[in-house]
């Protein structure tokens, strides 16, 4: 099983808080997002790097 880490902090702890971008599959803790997220978004989610490249969903 592949261990996923947060792109921002590099940590794999708190995996229940990790979100994965629907475009690039990078992981981000909800609290490492800018701004931090209090809950997982419904539907598709795009990281800030993909938003910069492809635009918001």
Protein backbone atom coordinates (compact mmCIF):
# COMPACT_ATOMS: atom_id res chain seq x y z
CA UNK A 1 0.00 0.00 0.00
CA UNK A 2 1.37 3.38 -1.01
CA UNK A 3 1.76 5.92 1.79
CA UNK A 4 0.36 9.32 0.82
CA UNK A 5 1.74 12.49 2.36
CA UNK A 6 0.62 16.10 2.50
CA UNK A 7 2.20 18.22 -0.23
CA UNK A 8 2.38 21.23 2.12
CA UNK A 9 3.85 19.73 5.32
CA UNK A 10 5.24 16.42 4.01
CA UNK A 11 3.56 14.51 6.84
CA UNK A 12 1.47 11.35 6.47
CA UNK A 13 -0.09 11.62 9.95
CA UNK A 14 -3.81 12.37 10.34
CA UNK A 15 -4.69 10.54 7.14
CA UNK A 16 -8.39 11.07 7.90
CA UNK A 17 -7.71 14.80 7.32
CA UNK A 18 -6.02 14.26 3.92
CA UNK A 19 -7.76 15.44 0.77
CA UNK A 20 -6.59 14.31 -2.65
CA UNK A 21 -6.83 16.49 -5.74
CA UNK A 22 -9.12 14.99 -8.37
CA UNK A 23 -6.74 16.15 -11.13
CA UNK A 24 -3.21 15.40 -9.91
CA UNK A 25 -3.83 13.17 -6.85
CA UNK A 26 -1.60 15.32 -4.59
CA UNK A 27 -2.57 15.09 -0.93
CA UNK A 28 -3.27 18.02 1.41
CA UNK A 29 -4.36 18.04 5.03
CA UNK A 30 -7.53 20.09 5.36
CA UNK A 31 -5.71 22.26 7.94
CA UNK A 32 -2.75 22.81 5.56
CA UNK A 33 -4.97 24.24 2.81
CA UNK A 34 -5.04 28.00 2.39
CA UNK A 35 -7.49 28.92 3.73
CA UNK A 36 -7.82 25.86 6.02
CA UNK A 37 -10.92 23.74 5.48
CA UNK A 38 -13.09 22.68 8.42
CA UNK A 39 -14.66 19.78 6.49
CA UNK A 40 -14.06 17.88 3.29
CA UNK A 41 -15.71 19.53 0.28
CA UNK A 42 -18.58 17.70 -1.39
CA UNK A 43 -17.94 16.52 -4.92
CA UNK A 44 -14.71 17.08 -6.82
CA UNK A 45 -11.85 19.04 -5.30
CA UNK A 46 -8.90 20.68 -7.05
CA UNK A 47 -5.68 21.69 -5.26
CA UNK A 48 -4.24 25.21 -5.47
CA UNK A 49 -1.60 24.13 -8.02
CA UNK A 50 -4.23 22.69 -10.36
CA UNK A 51 -6.51 25.70 -9.78
CA UNK A 52 -3.64 27.93 -10.92
CA UNK A 53 -3.07 25.79 -14.00
CA UNK A 54 -6.63 24.83 -14.96
CA UNK A 55 -8.86 27.27 -13.04
CA UNK A 56 -11.39 26.66 -10.29
CA UNK A 57 -13.87 23.80 -10.56
